[in-house]
Amino acid sequence: MRDKLLAGKPLRIDKISIRSPTLSQIADVGFKNYLTYAAVCANDNIFGEQSDDKFYNVMNYSSDLMVYFHLGLYLFTGEQFLQAKDCFYTENDKGKVDKIIDKNNYDKIVDVLRLVSCTEDAKTIRSKELDEKIAKAKQKLKEKLGKLPGDDDVSFNELVSVVAAKGNGLNIMNIWRMTYYQFNDQFKRMNLIENYDISVKQVLAGFENVKPEPYIGRIN
């Protein structure tokens, strides 16, 4: 599946084609909205107490969440889905039911959505104990750095600009045609290569306990 995504091709579940949006499409909707669409469509565990049945949760979304769900489906599939009592569906030119999302295929669709949106490692809601540990760690960093982590978070457009500036055939004009999956892969690979180059230079300069990590291999 990953080869198809790297080639910019969609993945299919039943008759439904699911694509990784292009950077241009993400720029149109806004990166924060993109992440929201991905989370709502996949019913990621960020909405508080819910049933283990993800499709049941989706069918019982509030009207606001349902709007995001339909916008997300359109972004990832290019299809306008309608809602019925127990499914979502599209119609063909003759007005007959064509594609269906229901309890039988939704879990598979979620797996693909997480893959194409690069959110397959989405975290579940943290425990109170873990939140307290994170808060303490942030406070220690604030004491050392004088600021909280996240003050200098790199924005989506800055990440795109950095990759475009690295060259290799990409520039600020053509990079927007890449899918987010392709972009994410290239960004991670670029970091691996740069870290490897730095490690090699450190070894040559006489630094001890430095082991260059190979950059050829699967990126998680």
N, C-alpha and C. Protein backbone atom coordinates (compact mmCIF):
# COMPACT_ATOMS: atom_id res chain seq x y z
N MET A 1 0.82 -1.21 0.00
CA MET A 1 0.00 0.00 0.00
C MET A 1 0.86 1.26 0.00
N ARG A 2 1.96 1.21 0.75
CA ARG A 2 2.81 2.40 0.85
C ARG A 2 3.45 2.75 -0.49
N ASP A 3 3.72 1.70 -1.34
CA ASP A 3 4.30 2.03 -2.66
C ASP A 3 3.33 2.88 -3.47
N LYS A 4 2.03 2.52 -3.41
CA LYS A 4 1.03 3.29 -4.16
C LYS A 4 0.95 4.72 -3.65
N LEU A 5 0.99 4.88 -2.35
CA LEU A 5 0.91 6.22 -1.79
C LEU A 5 2.14 7.05 -2.16
N LEU A 6 3.31 6.41 -2.17
CA LEU A 6 4.52 7.13 -2.55
C LEU A 6 4.47 7.53 -4.01
N ALA A 7 3.73 6.76 -4.82
CA ALA A 7 3.56 7.09 -6.25
C ALA A 7 2.40 8.05 -6.47
N GLY A 8 1.75 8.47 -5.38
CA GLY A 8 0.64 9.42 -5.50
C GLY A 8 -0.67 8.79 -5.92
N LYS A 9 -0.78 7.46 -5.78
CA LYS A 9 -2.00 6.77 -6.19
C LYS A 9 -2.94 6.56 -4.98
N PRO A 10 -4.23 6.42 -5.22
CA PRO A 10 -5.18 6.19 -4.13
C PRO A 10 -5.17 4.74 -3.68
N LEU A 11 -5.70 4.50 -2.49
CA LEU A 11 -5.93 3.15 -2.00
C LEU A 11 -7.43 2.90 -2.06
N ARG A 12 -7.82 1.65 -2.26
CA ARG A 12 -9.24 1.34 -2.45
C ARG A 12 -9.74 0.39 -1.36
N ILE A 13 -10.90 0.74 -0.83
CA ILE A 13 -11.65 -0.16 0.06
C ILE A 13 -13.01 -0.33 -0.60
N ASP A 14 -13.31 -1.58 -0.97
CA ASP A 14 -14.50 -1.85 -1.78
C ASP A 14 -14.40 -0.97 -3.05
N LYS A 15 -15.37 -0.14 -3.31
CA LYS A 15 -15.31 0.70 -4.52
C LYS A 15 -14.83 2.12 -4.22
N ILE A 16 -14.45 2.36 -2.97
CA ILE A 16 -14.10 3.72 -2.54
C ILE A 16 -12.60 3.96 -2.68
N SER A 17 -12.22 4.98 -3.43
CA SER A 17 -10.82 5.38 -3.57
C SER A 17 -10.51 6.45 -2.52
N ILE A 18 -9.47 6.21 -1.74
CA ILE A 18 -9.08 7.12 -0.66
C ILE A 18 -7.68 7.66 -0.97
N ARG A 19 -7.56 8.98 -1.06
CA ARG A 19 -6.30 9.61 -1.48
C ARG A 19 -5.67 10.40 -0.35
N SER A 20 -4.36 10.55 -0.46
CA SER A 20 -3.67 11.51 0.39
C SER A 20 -3.79 12.86 -0.30
N PRO A 21 -4.36 13.87 0.34
CA PRO A 21 -4.54 15.18 -0.31
C PRO A 21 -3.22 15.81 -0.70
N THR A 22 -3.25 16.65 -1.71
CA THR A 22 -2.04 17.38 -2.11
C THR A 22 -1.81 18.52 -1.12
N LEU A 23 -0.59 19.04 -1.12
CA LEU A 23 -0.29 20.18 -0.25
C LEU A 23 -1.15 21.37 -0.63
N SER A 24 -1.45 21.50 -1.92
CA SER A 24 -2.30 22.60 -2.38
C SER A 24 -3.70 22.48 -1.78
N GLN A 25 -4.25 21.25 -1.76
CA GLN A 25 -5.57 21.04 -1.18
C GLN A 25 -5.57 21.35 0.32
N ILE A 26 -4.49 20.96 0.98
CA ILE A 26 -4.40 21.22 2.43
C ILE A 26 -4.28 22.72 2.68
N ALA A 27 -3.53 23.41 1.83
CA ALA A 27 -3.41 24.87 1.97
C ALA A 27 -4.77 25.53 1.79
N ASP A 28 -5.60 24.98 0.91
CA ASP A 28 -6.94 25.55 0.66
C ASP A 28 -7.83 25.46 1.91
N VAL A 29 -7.77 24.31 2.61
CA VAL A 29 -8.66 24.13 3.76
C VAL A 29 -8.02 24.59 5.07
N GLY A 30 -6.67 24.71 5.08
CA GLY A 30 -5.96 25.06 6.30
C GLY A 30 -5.48 23.80 7.00
N PHE A 31 -4.24 23.82 7.49
CA PHE A 31 -3.65 22.62 8.07
C PHE A 31 -4.38 22.16 9.32
N LYS A 32 -4.81 23.09 10.17
CA LYS A 32 -5.54 22.69 11.39
C LYS A 32 -6.86 22.01 11.03
N ASN A 33 -7.54 22.54 10.01
CA ASN A 33 -8.78 21.90 9.56
C ASN A 33 -8.49 20.53 9.00
N TYR A 34 -7.38 20.40 8.26
CA TYR A 34 -6.99 19.10 7.70
C TYR A 34 -6.85 18.07 8.81
N LEU A 35 -6.15 18.42 9.89
CA LEU A 35 -5.97 17.49 11.00
C LEU A 35 -7.30 17.16 11.66
N THR A 36 -8.18 18.17 11.74
CA THR A 36 -9.51 17.94 12.32
C THR A 36 -10.32 16.98 11.45
N TYR A 37 -10.30 17.21 10.14
CA TYR A 37 -11.02 16.32 9.22
C TYR A 37 -10.54 14.88 9.38
N ALA A 38 -9.21 14.70 9.44
CA ALA A 38 -8.65 13.35 9.55
C ALA A 38 -9.10 12.69 10.85
N ALA A 39 -9.07 13.45 11.95
CA ALA A 39 -9.46 12.89 13.25
C ALA A 39 -10.94 12.55 13.29
N VAL A 40 -11.79 13.43 12.76
CA VAL A 40 -13.23 13.20 12.79
C VAL A 40 -13.61 12.03 11.89
N CYS A 41 -13.01 11.96 10.70
CA CYS A 41 -13.34 10.86 9.78
C CYS A 41 -12.92 9.51 10.34
N ALA A 42 -11.82 9.49 11.08
CA ALA A 42 -11.31 8.22 11.62
C ALA A 42 -11.81 7.96 13.03
N ASN A 43 -12.66 8.89 13.56
CA ASN A 43 -13.16 8.78 14.93
C ASN A 43 -12.02 8.49 15.90
N ASP A 44 -10.92 9.25 15.75
CA ASP A 44 -9.80 9.09 16.68
C ASP A 44 -10.27 9.45 18.08
N ASN A 45 -9.68 8.82 19.04
CA ASN A 45 -10.17 8.89 20.42
C ASN A 45 -9.82 10.23 21.07
N ILE A 46 -10.38 11.31 20.53
CA ILE A 46 -10.09 12.65 21.05
C ILE A 46 -11.38 13.37 21.44
N PHE A 47 -12.47 12.65 21.47
CA PHE A 47 -13.76 13.29 21.70
C PHE A 47 -14.36 12.95 23.06
N GLY A 48 -13.55 12.45 23.98
CA GLY A 48 -14.08 12.09 25.29
C GLY A 48 -14.60 10.66 25.31
N GLU A 49 -15.43 10.36 26.28
CA GLU A 49 -15.92 9.00 26.48
C GLU A 49 -16.81 8.57 25.31
N GLN A 50 -16.43 7.48 24.66
CA GLN A 50 -17.22 6.97 23.54
C GLN A 50 -17.26 5.46 23.55
N SER A 51 -18.11 4.91 22.72
CA SER A 51 -18.22 3.46 22.58
C SER A 51 -16.98 2.92 21.85
N ASP A 52 -16.70 1.64 22.05
CA ASP A 52 -15.62 0.99 21.30
C ASP A 52 -16.00 0.81 19.83
N ASP A 53 -17.27 0.90 19.54
CA ASP A 53 -17.76 0.78 18.17
C ASP A 53 -17.63 2.14 17.47
N LYS A 54 -16.57 2.29 16.68
CA LYS A 54 -16.29 3.58 16.06
C LYS A 54 -17.39 4.02 15.10
N PHE A 55 -17.94 3.07 14.36
CA PHE A 55 -18.98 3.47 13.41
C PHE A 55 -20.23 3.95 14.14
N TYR A 56 -20.55 3.31 15.26
CA TYR A 56 -21.68 3.78 16.09
C TYR A 56 -21.43 5.22 16.53
N ASN A 57 -20.19 5.50 16.94
CA ASN A 57 -19.86 6.86 17.37
C ASN A 57 -20.08 7.87 16.25
N VAL A 58 -19.64 7.51 15.05
CA VAL A 58 -19.79 8.41 13.91
C VAL A 58 -21.26 8.67 13.61
N MET A 59 -22.06 7.61 13.60
CA MET A 59 -23.48 7.76 13.29
C MET A 59 -24.21 8.63 14.34
N ASN A 60 -23.58 8.79 15.50
CA ASN A 60 -24.19 9.60 16.55
C ASN A 60 -23.43 10.91 16.79
N TYR A 61 -22.65 11.32 15.80
CA TYR A 61 -21.98 12.61 15.89
C TYR A 61 -22.99 13.74 16.04
N SER A 62 -22.55 14.80 16.69
CA SER A 62 -23.36 16.02 16.73
C SER A 62 -23.41 16.60 15.31
N SER A 63 -24.30 17.55 15.10
CA SER A 63 -24.43 18.14 13.76
C SER A 63 -23.13 18.83 13.34
N ASP A 64 -22.42 19.45 14.30
CA ASP A 64 -21.15 20.13 13.98
C ASP A 64 -20.09 19.13 13.52
N LEU A 65 -19.95 18.03 14.29
CA LEU A 65 -18.97 17.02 13.91
C LEU A 65 -19.33 16.37 12.59
N MET A 66 -20.62 16.20 12.34
CA MET A 66 -21.04 15.56 11.09
C MET A 66 -20.66 16.43 9.89
N VAL A 67 -20.70 17.74 10.05
CA VAL A 67 -20.26 18.63 8.97
C VAL A 67 -18.79 18.38 8.66
N TYR A 68 -17.96 18.30 9.71
CA TYR A 68 -16.54 18.02 9.52
C TYR A 68 -16.33 16.65 8.89
N PHE A 69 -17.15 15.67 9.30
CA PHE A 69 -17.03 14.32 8.75
C PHE A 69 -17.25 14.34 7.23
N HIS A 70 -18.29 15.02 6.77
CA HIS A 70 -18.59 15.06 5.34
C HIS A 70 -17.54 15.87 4.57
N LEU A 71 -17.06 16.96 5.16
CA LEU A 71 -16.00 17.73 4.51
C LEU A 71 -14.73 16.89 4.39
N GLY A 72 -14.44 16.13 5.45
CA GLY A 72 -13.26 15.26 5.42
C GLY A 72 -13.38 14.16 4.39
N LEU A 73 -14.56 13.53 4.32
CA LEU A 73 -14.76 12.48 3.32
C LEU A 73 -14.55 13.03 1.91
N TYR A 74 -15.04 14.24 1.68
CA TYR A 74 -14.88 14.84 0.35
C TYR A 74 -13.40 15.11 0.06
N LEU A 75 -12.66 15.56 1.07
CA LEU A 75 -11.24 15.84 0.89
C LEU A 75 -10.46 14.56 0.56
N PHE A 76 -10.78 13.47 1.26
CA PHE A 76 -10.01 12.23 1.09
C PHE A 76 -10.51 11.34 -0.04
N THR A 77 -11.76 11.50 -0.45
CA THR A 77 -12.30 10.62 -1.49
C THR A 77 -12.74 11.36 -2.75
N GLY A 78 -12.98 12.65 -2.65
CA GLY A 78 -13.51 13.40 -3.79
C GLY A 78 -14.97 13.09 -4.06
N GLU A 79 -15.63 12.44 -3.10
CA GLU A 79 -17.04 12.04 -3.27
C GLU A 79 -17.93 12.75 -2.25
N GLN A 80 -19.14 13.10 -2.68
CA GLN A 80 -20.14 13.66 -1.78
C GLN A 80 -21.00 12.52 -1.26
N PHE A 81 -20.82 12.17 0.02
CA PHE A 81 -21.58 11.07 0.61
C PHE A 81 -22.87 11.61 1.25
N LEU A 82 -23.92 10.84 1.12
CA LEU A 82 -25.19 11.14 1.76
C LEU A 82 -25.35 10.24 2.98
N GLN A 83 -26.16 10.65 3.93
CA GLN A 83 -26.34 9.86 5.15
C GLN A 83 -27.71 9.19 5.17
N ALA A 84 -27.68 7.89 5.46
CA ALA A 84 -28.92 7.14 5.65
C ALA A 84 -28.99 6.70 7.12
N LYS A 85 -29.95 5.89 7.45
CA LYS A 85 -30.14 5.49 8.84
C LYS A 85 -28.96 4.70 9.38
N ASP A 86 -28.35 3.85 8.54
CA ASP A 86 -27.28 2.97 9.04
C ASP A 86 -26.04 2.97 8.15
N CYS A 87 -25.90 4.00 7.31
CA CYS A 87 -24.73 4.04 6.44
C CYS A 87 -24.58 5.42 5.81
N PHE A 88 -23.45 5.58 5.11
CA PHE A 88 -23.24 6.74 4.24
C PHE A 88 -23.09 6.18 2.84
N TYR A 89 -23.58 6.91 1.84
CA TYR A 89 -23.56 6.35 0.49
C TYR A 89 -23.45 7.45 -0.56
N THR A 90 -23.03 7.05 -1.76
CA THR A 90 -23.05 7.95 -2.91
C THR A 90 -24.02 7.37 -3.94
N GLU A 91 -24.43 8.20 -4.87
CA GLU A 91 -25.32 7.75 -5.94
C GLU A 91 -24.62 7.88 -7.29
N ASN A 92 -24.94 6.98 -8.22
CA ASN A 92 -24.39 7.08 -9.56
C ASN A 92 -25.26 8.03 -10.41
N ASP A 93 -24.93 8.12 -11.70
CA ASP A 93 -25.65 9.04 -12.59
C ASP A 93 -27.14 8.71 -12.70
N LYS A 94 -27.49 7.47 -12.42
CA LYS A 94 -28.89 7.06 -12.52
C LYS A 94 -29.65 7.17 -11.20
N GLY A 95 -28.96 7.73 -10.19
CA GLY A 95 -29.62 7.91 -8.90
C GLY A 95 -29.67 6.68 -8.04
N LYS A 96 -28.89 5.65 -8.42
CA LYS A 96 -28.86 4.43 -7.62
C LYS A 96 -27.64 4.44 -6.69
N VAL A 97 -27.77 3.73 -5.57
CA VAL A 97 -26.69 3.66 -4.59
C VAL A 97 -25.44 3.08 -5.24
N ASP A 98 -24.31 3.76 -5.05
CA ASP A 98 -23.06 3.33 -5.68
C ASP A 98 -22.05 2.85 -4.64
N LYS A 99 -21.52 3.77 -3.86
CA LYS A 99 -20.51 3.42 -2.85
C LYS A 99 -21.12 3.55 -1.46
N ILE A 100 -20.71 2.64 -0.57
CA ILE A 100 -21.30 2.60 0.78
C ILE A 100 -20.21 2.54 1.84
N ILE A 101 -20.40 3.32 2.89
CA ILE A 101 -19.59 3.20 4.11
C ILE A 101 -20.55 2.78 5.22
N ASP A 102 -20.30 1.60 5.80
CA ASP A 102 -21.16 1.12 6.87
C ASP A 102 -20.31 0.38 7.90
N LYS A 103 -20.97 -0.30 8.84
CA LYS A 103 -20.25 -0.97 9.92
C LYS A 103 -19.37 -2.11 9.40
N ASN A 104 -19.63 -2.58 8.18
CA ASN A 104 -18.86 -3.70 7.64
C ASN A 104 -17.50 -3.29 7.09
N ASN A 105 -17.37 -2.05 6.62
CA ASN A 105 -16.09 -1.65 6.02
C ASN A 105 -15.45 -0.44 6.69
N TYR A 106 -16.13 0.14 7.69
CA TYR A 106 -15.62 1.39 8.27
C TYR A 106 -14.25 1.21 8.93
N ASP A 107 -14.04 0.12 9.66
CA ASP A 107 -12.75 -0.07 10.34
C ASP A 107 -11.60 -0.14 9.34
N LYS A 108 -11.84 -0.79 8.19
CA LYS A 108 -10.81 -0.85 7.15
C LYS A 108 -10.56 0.55 6.57
N ILE A 109 -11.63 1.31 6.41
CA ILE A 109 -11.50 2.67 5.90
C ILE A 109 -10.70 3.53 6.86
N VAL A 110 -10.92 3.33 8.16
CA VAL A 110 -10.18 4.08 9.18
C VAL A 110 -8.68 3.80 9.06
N ASP A 111 -8.31 2.53 8.90
CA ASP A 111 -6.89 2.17 8.76
C ASP A 111 -6.26 2.88 7.57
N VAL A 112 -6.99 2.92 6.46
CA VAL A 112 -6.47 3.58 5.26
C VAL A 112 -6.42 5.10 5.45
N LEU A 113 -7.43 5.66 6.07
CA LEU A 113 -7.45 7.11 6.31
C LEU A 113 -6.25 7.54 7.15
N ARG A 114 -5.95 6.75 8.18
CA ARG A 114 -4.80 7.09 9.02
C ARG A 114 -3.50 7.01 8.24
N LEU A 115 -3.44 6.06 7.31
CA LEU A 115 -2.23 5.91 6.52
C LEU A 115 -2.08 7.06 5.52
N VAL A 116 -3.13 7.38 4.78
CA VAL A 116 -3.02 8.42 3.75
C VAL A 116 -2.86 9.81 4.36
N SER A 117 -3.37 10.00 5.60
CA SER A 117 -3.27 11.31 6.23
C SER A 117 -2.04 11.44 7.12
N CYS A 118 -1.24 10.35 7.19
CA CYS A 118 -0.03 10.30 8.03
C CYS A 118 -0.37 10.48 9.51
N THR A 119 -1.50 9.92 9.92
CA THR A 119 -1.88 9.98 11.33
C THR A 119 -2.12 8.57 11.86
N GLU A 120 -1.45 7.57 11.24
CA GLU A 120 -1.71 6.20 11.67
C GLU A 120 -1.22 5.92 13.08
N ASP A 121 -0.35 6.81 13.61
CA ASP A 121 0.14 6.63 14.97
C ASP A 121 -0.57 7.55 15.94
N ALA A 122 -1.79 7.97 15.56
CA ALA A 122 -2.53 8.91 16.41
C ALA A 122 -2.68 8.35 17.82
N LYS A 123 -2.43 9.19 18.81
CA LYS A 123 -2.47 8.76 20.21
C LYS A 123 -3.89 8.81 20.77
N THR A 124 -4.15 7.92 21.70
CA THR A 124 -5.44 7.96 22.40
C THR A 124 -5.36 9.00 23.50
N ILE A 125 -6.47 9.25 24.14
CA ILE A 125 -6.49 10.25 25.20
C ILE A 125 -5.54 9.84 26.32
N ARG A 126 -4.74 10.81 26.80
CA ARG A 126 -3.74 10.51 27.82
C ARG A 126 -4.40 10.35 29.18
N SER A 127 -3.75 9.60 30.05
CA SER A 127 -4.23 9.44 31.41
C SER A 127 -3.87 10.69 32.22
N LYS A 128 -4.54 10.86 33.34
CA LYS A 128 -4.26 12.01 34.21
C LYS A 128 -2.82 11.97 34.71
N GLU A 129 -2.35 10.76 35.04
CA GLU A 129 -0.98 10.61 35.54
C GLU A 129 0.04 11.06 34.49
N LEU A 130 -0.20 10.68 33.23
CA LEU A 130 0.73 11.06 32.17
C LEU A 130 0.68 12.56 31.93
N ASP A 131 -0.52 13.15 31.99
CA ASP A 131 -0.65 14.60 31.82
C ASP A 131 0.14 15.35 32.89
N GLU A 132 0.11 14.83 34.12
CA GLU A 132 0.85 15.47 35.21
C GLU A 132 2.35 15.38 34.97
N LYS A 133 2.82 14.24 34.46
CA LYS A 133 4.24 14.09 34.16
C LYS A 133 4.67 15.05 33.06
N ILE A 134 3.82 15.21 32.03
CA ILE A 134 4.13 16.12 30.93
C ILE A 134 4.19 17.56 31.44
N ALA A 135 3.25 17.91 32.32
CA ALA A 135 3.23 19.27 32.87
C ALA A 135 4.49 19.56 33.67
N LYS A 136 4.95 18.58 34.47
CA LYS A 136 6.16 18.77 35.25
C LYS A 136 7.38 18.91 34.35
N ALA A 137 7.43 18.10 33.28
CA ALA A 137 8.56 18.17 32.34
C ALA A 137 8.60 19.52 31.65
N LYS A 138 7.42 20.03 31.27
CA LYS A 138 7.35 21.35 30.62
C LYS A 138 7.82 22.45 31.57
N GLN A 139 7.44 22.31 32.85
CA GLN A 139 7.82 23.33 33.83
C GLN A 139 9.34 23.36 34.01
N LYS A 140 9.97 22.18 34.05
CA LYS A 140 11.42 22.12 34.17
C LYS A 140 12.10 22.77 32.97
N LEU A 141 11.56 22.50 31.78
CA LEU A 141 12.14 23.11 30.58
C LEU A 141 11.95 24.62 30.60
N LYS A 142 10.81 25.06 31.10
CA LYS A 142 10.57 26.51 31.15
C LYS A 142 11.57 27.18 32.08
N GLU A 143 11.88 26.50 33.19
CA GLU A 143 12.86 27.05 34.12
C GLU A 143 14.24 27.16 33.49
N LYS A 144 14.58 26.17 32.63
CA LYS A 144 15.90 26.18 31.99
C LYS A 144 15.95 27.12 30.79
N LEU A 145 14.88 27.12 29.99
CA LEU A 145 14.89 27.87 28.73
C LEU A 145 14.20 29.23 28.80
N GLY A 146 13.39 29.42 29.84
CA GLY A 146 12.66 30.67 29.93
C GLY A 146 11.41 30.69 29.07
N LYS A 147 11.03 29.54 28.52
CA LYS A 147 9.82 29.47 27.69
C LYS A 147 9.32 28.04 27.69
N LEU A 148 8.08 27.87 27.27
CA LEU A 148 7.48 26.54 27.21
C LEU A 148 7.73 25.88 25.86
N PRO A 149 7.85 24.54 25.81
CA PRO A 149 7.95 23.86 24.52
C PRO A 149 6.74 24.19 23.67
N GLY A 150 6.95 24.41 22.40
CA GLY A 150 5.85 24.74 21.51
C GLY A 150 5.82 26.22 21.17
N ASP A 151 6.59 27.04 21.91
CA ASP A 151 6.63 28.47 21.61
C ASP A 151 7.16 28.73 20.22
N ASP A 152 8.04 27.83 19.76
CA ASP A 152 8.65 28.02 18.44
C ASP A 152 8.25 26.91 17.49
N ASP A 153 7.05 26.36 17.66
CA ASP A 153 6.59 25.29 16.76
C ASP A 153 6.67 25.74 15.31
N VAL A 154 7.18 24.84 14.47
CA VAL A 154 7.28 25.16 13.05
C VAL A 154 5.92 24.97 12.40
N SER A 155 5.47 25.93 11.63
CA SER A 155 4.17 25.85 10.99
C SER A 155 4.25 25.04 9.70
N PHE A 156 3.07 24.67 9.21
CA PHE A 156 2.98 23.87 7.98
C PHE A 156 3.68 24.56 6.82
N ASN A 157 3.43 25.86 6.63
CA ASN A 157 4.04 26.54 5.48
C ASN A 157 5.56 26.62 5.61
N GLU A 158 6.07 26.70 6.84
CA GLU A 158 7.52 26.74 7.03
C GLU A 158 8.14 25.39 6.69
N LEU A 159 7.45 24.30 7.04
CA LEU A 159 7.96 22.97 6.70
C LEU A 159 8.01 22.80 5.18
N VAL A 160 6.95 23.24 4.50
CA VAL A 160 6.92 23.14 3.04
C VAL A 160 8.06 23.96 2.45
N SER A 161 8.27 25.15 2.97
CA SER A 161 9.32 26.02 2.46
C SER A 161 10.70 25.41 2.64
N VAL A 162 10.91 24.75 3.79
CA VAL A 162 12.21 24.12 4.06
C VAL A 162 12.51 23.02 3.05
N VAL A 163 11.50 22.14 2.81
CA VAL A 163 11.71 21.04 1.87
C VAL A 163 11.94 21.57 0.45
N ALA A 164 11.18 22.61 0.08
CA ALA A 164 11.36 23.21 -1.25
C ALA A 164 12.75 23.80 -1.40
N ALA A 165 13.26 24.39 -0.32
CA ALA A 165 14.57 25.04 -0.38
C ALA A 165 15.72 24.04 -0.51
N LYS A 166 15.44 22.78 -0.16
CA LYS A 166 16.49 21.75 -0.26
C LYS A 166 16.75 21.33 -1.70
N GLY A 167 15.87 21.69 -2.60
CA GLY A 167 16.10 21.38 -4.01
C GLY A 167 15.70 19.98 -4.39
N ASN A 168 16.60 19.24 -5.05
CA ASN A 168 16.32 17.89 -5.54
C ASN A 168 15.10 17.88 -6.47
N GLY A 169 14.98 18.92 -7.29
CA GLY A 169 13.88 18.97 -8.24
C GLY A 169 12.64 19.64 -7.70
N LEU A 170 12.62 19.91 -6.40
CA LEU A 170 11.46 20.56 -5.79
C LEU A 170 11.73 22.05 -5.64
N ASN A 171 10.69 22.84 -5.85
CA ASN A 171 10.79 24.26 -5.58
C ASN A 171 9.44 24.75 -5.07
N ILE A 172 9.37 26.01 -4.69
CA ILE A 172 8.17 26.52 -4.06
C ILE A 172 6.98 26.54 -5.01
N MET A 173 7.22 26.37 -6.31
CA MET A 173 6.12 26.36 -7.28
C MET A 173 5.54 24.96 -7.48
N ASN A 174 6.43 23.94 -7.57
CA ASN A 174 5.91 22.59 -7.89
C ASN A 174 5.66 21.71 -6.67
N ILE A 175 6.14 22.11 -5.50
CA ILE A 175 6.01 21.25 -4.32
C ILE A 175 4.55 21.06 -3.91
N TRP A 176 3.69 22.03 -4.27
CA TRP A 176 2.29 21.95 -3.84
C TRP A 176 1.52 20.84 -4.53
N ARG A 177 2.11 20.26 -5.58
CA ARG A 177 1.44 19.14 -6.27
C ARG A 177 1.68 17.82 -5.55
N MET A 178 2.64 17.79 -4.63
CA MET A 178 2.91 16.56 -3.88
C MET A 178 1.73 16.24 -2.96
N THR A 179 1.51 14.96 -2.73
CA THR A 179 0.53 14.58 -1.71
C THR A 179 1.18 14.74 -0.34
N TYR A 180 0.34 14.81 0.68
CA TYR A 180 0.89 14.97 2.02
C TYR A 180 1.71 13.74 2.41
N TYR A 181 1.30 12.57 1.94
CA TYR A 181 2.08 11.35 2.24
C TYR A 181 3.47 11.45 1.62
N GLN A 182 3.55 11.88 0.36
CA GLN A 182 4.84 12.03 -0.30
C GLN A 182 5.70 13.07 0.42
N PHE A 183 5.08 14.18 0.78
CA PHE A 183 5.81 15.25 1.47
C PHE A 183 6.34 14.76 2.81
N ASN A 184 5.49 14.07 3.57
CA ASN A 184 5.88 13.57 4.88
C ASN A 184 7.04 12.59 4.76
N ASP A 185 6.97 11.73 3.76
CA ASP A 185 8.05 10.76 3.52
C ASP A 185 9.35 11.48 3.19
N GLN A 186 9.29 12.46 2.30
CA GLN A 186 10.50 13.17 1.89
C GLN A 186 11.09 13.99 3.03
N PHE A 187 10.23 14.57 3.86
CA PHE A 187 10.72 15.36 4.99
C PHE A 187 11.45 14.47 5.99
N LYS A 188 10.86 13.31 6.30
CA LYS A 188 11.50 12.38 7.23
C LYS A 188 12.82 11.85 6.66
N ARG A 189 12.80 11.53 5.35
CA ARG A 189 14.01 11.02 4.73
C ARG A 189 15.11 12.09 4.72
N MET A 190 14.73 13.33 4.45
CA MET A 190 15.70 14.43 4.45
C MET A 190 16.35 14.58 5.82
N ASN A 191 15.54 14.45 6.88
CA ASN A 191 16.08 14.55 8.23
C ASN A 191 17.05 13.41 8.54
N LEU A 192 16.70 12.20 8.09
CA LEU A 192 17.59 11.05 8.32
C LEU A 192 18.93 11.25 7.63
N ILE A 193 18.89 11.72 6.39
CA ILE A 193 20.13 11.94 5.63
C ILE A 193 20.98 13.02 6.29
N GLU A 194 20.35 14.10 6.73
CA GLU A 194 21.09 15.18 7.36
C GLU A 194 21.69 14.74 8.69
N ASN A 195 20.94 13.96 9.46
CA ASN A 195 21.46 13.44 10.73
C ASN A 195 22.64 12.50 10.49
N TYR A 196 22.54 11.70 9.41
CA TYR A 196 23.64 10.79 9.07
C TYR A 196 24.89 11.58 8.70
N ASP A 197 24.72 12.61 7.87
CA ASP A 197 25.87 13.44 7.46
C ASP A 197 26.53 14.10 8.67
N ILE A 198 25.71 14.60 9.60
CA ILE A 198 26.26 15.24 10.80
C ILE A 198 27.04 14.23 11.64
N SER A 199 26.50 13.02 11.77
CA SER A 199 27.16 11.98 12.56
C SER A 199 28.50 11.59 11.94
N VAL A 200 28.55 11.46 10.61
CA VAL A 200 29.79 11.12 9.93
C VAL A 200 30.84 12.21 10.17
N LYS A 201 30.42 13.46 10.07
CA LYS A 201 31.36 14.58 10.30
C LYS A 201 31.86 14.57 11.74
N GLN A 202 31.00 14.19 12.69
CA GLN A 202 31.42 14.12 14.09
C GLN A 202 32.45 13.01 14.29
N VAL A 203 32.22 11.86 13.63
CA VAL A 203 33.17 10.75 13.72
C VAL A 203 34.52 11.16 13.15
N LEU A 204 34.51 11.81 11.98
CA LEU A 204 35.75 12.25 11.35
C LEU A 204 36.47 13.31 12.18
N ALA A 205 35.72 14.06 12.96
CA ALA A 205 36.32 15.10 13.79
C ALA A 205 36.83 14.56 15.13
N GLY A 206 36.62 13.25 15.36
CA GLY A 206 37.16 12.63 16.56
C GLY A 206 36.20 12.51 17.72
N PHE A 207 34.90 12.80 17.48
CA PHE A 207 33.93 12.64 18.56
C PHE A 207 33.78 11.16 18.90
N GLU A 208 33.65 10.85 20.19
CA GLU A 208 33.47 9.47 20.62
C GLU A 208 31.99 9.17 20.84
N ASN A 209 31.68 7.87 20.86
CA ASN A 209 30.31 7.40 21.11
C ASN A 209 29.30 7.95 20.12
N VAL A 210 29.74 8.15 18.88
CA VAL A 210 28.83 8.59 17.82
C VAL A 210 28.70 7.46 16.81
N LYS A 211 27.47 7.01 16.59
CA LYS A 211 27.24 5.92 15.64
C LYS A 211 26.26 6.40 14.57
N PRO A 212 26.76 6.64 13.34
CA PRO A 212 25.85 7.09 12.27
C PRO A 212 24.76 6.05 12.01
N GLU A 213 23.52 6.50 11.99
CA GLU A 213 22.39 5.62 11.71
C GLU A 213 22.13 5.60 10.21
N PRO A 214 21.98 4.40 9.61
CA PRO A 214 21.72 4.33 8.17
C PRO A 214 20.42 5.01 7.80
N TYR A 215 20.39 5.67 6.65
CA TYR A 215 19.18 6.37 6.25
C TYR A 215 18.41 5.62 5.17
N ILE A 216 18.93 4.45 4.77
CA ILE A 216 18.20 3.61 3.80
C ILE A 216 17.44 2.55 4.57
N GLY A 217 16.14 2.61 4.50
CA GLY A 217 15.30 1.68 5.21
C GLY A 217 13.92 2.23 5.36
N ARG A 218 13.06 1.48 5.98
CA ARG A 218 11.67 1.90 6.11
C ARG A 218 11.55 3.05 7.12
N ILE A 219 10.76 4.05 6.73
CA ILE A 219 10.48 5.16 7.63
C ILE A 219 9.17 4.88 8.33
N ASN A 220 9.15 4.98 9.64
CA ASN A 220 7.91 4.74 10.39
C ASN A 220 6.97 5.93 10.29
